[in-house]
C-alpha atoms as a PDB file:
ATOM      1  CA  UNK A   1      -0.054   0.136   0.032  1.00  0.00           C
ATOM      2  CA  UNK A   2       2.853   2.371   0.938  1.00  0.00           C
ATOM      3  CA  UNK A   3       4.439   1.769  -2.553  1.00  0.00           C
ATOM      4  CA  UNK A   4       1.210   2.577  -4.411  1.00  0.00           C
ATOM      5  CA  UNK A   5       1.063   5.924  -2.434  1.00  0.00           C
ATOM      6  CA  UNK A   6       4.667   6.837  -3.177  1.00  0.00           C
ATOM      7  CA  UNK A   7       4.305   5.748  -6.793  1.00  0.00           C
ATOM      8  CA  UNK A   8       1.022   7.788  -7.162  1.00  0.00           C
ATOM      9  CA  UNK A   9       2.791  10.894  -5.511  1.00  0.00           C
ATOM     10  CA  UNK A  10       5.751  10.498  -7.983  1.00  0.00           C
ATOM     11  CA  UNK A  11       3.639  10.110 -10.886  1.00  0.00           C
ATOM     12  CA  UNK A  12       1.384  13.197 -10.173  1.00  0.00           C
ATOM     13  CA  UNK A  13       4.742  15.245  -9.962  1.00  0.00           C
ATOM     14  CA  UNK A  14       6.201  14.025 -13.239  1.00  0.00           C
ATOM     15  CA  UNK A  15       5.372  16.311 -16.213  1.00  0.00           C
ATOM     16  CA  UNK A  16       5.601  14.750 -19.707  1.00  0.00           C
ATOM     17  CA  UNK A  17       6.458  16.976 -22.414  1.00  0.00           C
ATOM     18  CA  UNK A  18       3.382  17.937 -24.669  1.00  0.00           C
ATOM     19  CA  UNK A  19       3.075  16.642 -28.030  1.00  0.00           C
ATOM     20  CA  UNK A  20       1.662  18.147 -31.344  1.00  0.00           C
ATOM     21  CA  UNK A  21      -1.358  16.064 -30.739  1.00  0.00           C
ATOM     22  CA  UNK A  22      -1.700  17.387 -27.192  1.00  0.00           C
ATOM     23  CA  UNK A  23      -1.678  20.982 -28.674  1.00  0.00           C
ATOM     24  CA  UNK A  24      -4.020  20.112 -31.522  1.00  0.00           C
ATOM     25  CA  UNK A  25      -6.551  18.791 -28.882  1.00  0.00           C
ATOM     26  CA  UNK A  26      -6.200  21.768 -26.820  1.00  0.00           C
ATOM     27  CA  UNK A  27      -6.917  24.167 -29.907  1.00  0.00           C
ATOM     28  CA  UNK A  28      -9.497  22.115 -31.300  1.00  0.00           C
ATOM     29  CA  UNK A  29      -7.567  21.674 -34.806  1.00  0.00           C
ATOM     30  CA  UNK A  30      -5.661  18.743 -36.400  1.00  0.00           C
ATOM     31  CA  UNK A  31      -1.942  17.895 -35.816  1.00  0.00           C
ATOM     32  CA  UNK A  32      -1.280  19.037 -39.485  1.00  0.00           C
ATOM     33  CA  UNK A  33      -2.590  22.372 -38.644  1.00  0.00           C
ATOM     34  CA  UNK A  34      -0.339  22.781 -35.579  1.00  0.00           C
ATOM     35  CA  UNK A  35       2.580  21.587 -37.766  1.00  0.00           C
ATOM     36  CA  UNK A  36       1.777  24.394 -40.310  1.00  0.00           C
ATOM     37  CA  UNK A  37       1.502  27.038 -37.631  1.00  0.00           C
ATOM     38  CA  UNK A  38       5.159  25.891 -36.062  1.00  0.00           C
ATOM     39  CA  UNK A  39       6.298  25.845 -39.777  1.00  0.00           C
ATOM     40  CA  UNK A  40       5.124  29.461 -40.385  1.00  0.00           C
ATOM     41  CA  UNK A  41       2.886  28.396 -43.325  1.00  0.00           C
ATOM     42  CA  UNK A  42       0.789  31.227 -44.736  1.00  0.00           C
ATOM     43  CA  UNK A  43      -2.256  28.976 -45.518  1.00  0.00           C
ATOM     44  CA  UNK A  44      -3.728  29.053 -41.848  1.00  0.00           C
ATOM     45  CA  UNK A  45      -6.151  31.777 -40.839  1.00  0.00           C
ATOM     46  CA  UNK A  46      -5.094  34.161 -38.319  1.00  0.00           C
ATOM     47  CA  UNK A  47      -7.679  33.206 -35.823  1.00  0.00           C
ATOM     48  CA  UNK A  48      -6.608  29.587 -36.129  1.00  0.00           C
ATOM     49  CA  UNK A  49      -2.954  30.641 -35.649  1.00  0.00           C
ATOM     50  CA  UNK A  50      -3.893  32.529 -32.558  1.00  0.00           C
ATOM     51  CA  UNK A  51      -5.749  29.397 -31.064  1.00  0.00           C
ATOM     52  CA  UNK A  52      -2.794  27.101 -31.834  1.00  0.00           C
ATOM     53  CA  UNK A  53      -0.170  29.598 -30.440  1.00  0.00           C
ATOM     54  CA  UNK A  54      -2.137  30.122 -27.273  1.00  0.00           C
ATOM     55  CA  UNK A  55      -2.373  26.369 -26.782  1.00  0.00           C
ATOM     56  CA  UNK A  56       1.364  26.259 -27.457  1.00  0.00           C
ATOM     57  CA  UNK A  57       1.952  28.570 -24.702  1.00  0.00           C
ATOM     58  CA  UNK A  58      -0.469  27.225 -22.293  1.00  0.00           C
ATOM     59  CA  UNK A  59       1.048  23.689 -22.664  1.00  0.00           C
ATOM     60  CA  UNK A  60       4.568  24.752 -22.785  1.00  0.00           C
ATOM     61  CA  UNK A  61       5.003  22.937 -26.112  1.00  0.00           C
ATOM     62  CA  UNK A  62       8.589  22.925 -27.554  1.00  0.00           C
ATOM     63  CA  UNK A  63       9.175  21.566 -30.952  1.00  0.00           C
ATOM     64  CA  UNK A  64      11.801  18.791 -31.042  1.00  0.00           C
END
């Protein structure tokens, strides 16, 4: 039982790096759209670009 409590405590402190899929879910867009925003593609609407950038900032996403 003690092991489970320690394990649970440690897991709650571990923060995994967010993925493009995490950003996409947060922004309500596809991973391909997130990729286009990151690459600076011109074919992304400004409102969509803003939603994606906000999700990137909130999650602390850093491209690999």
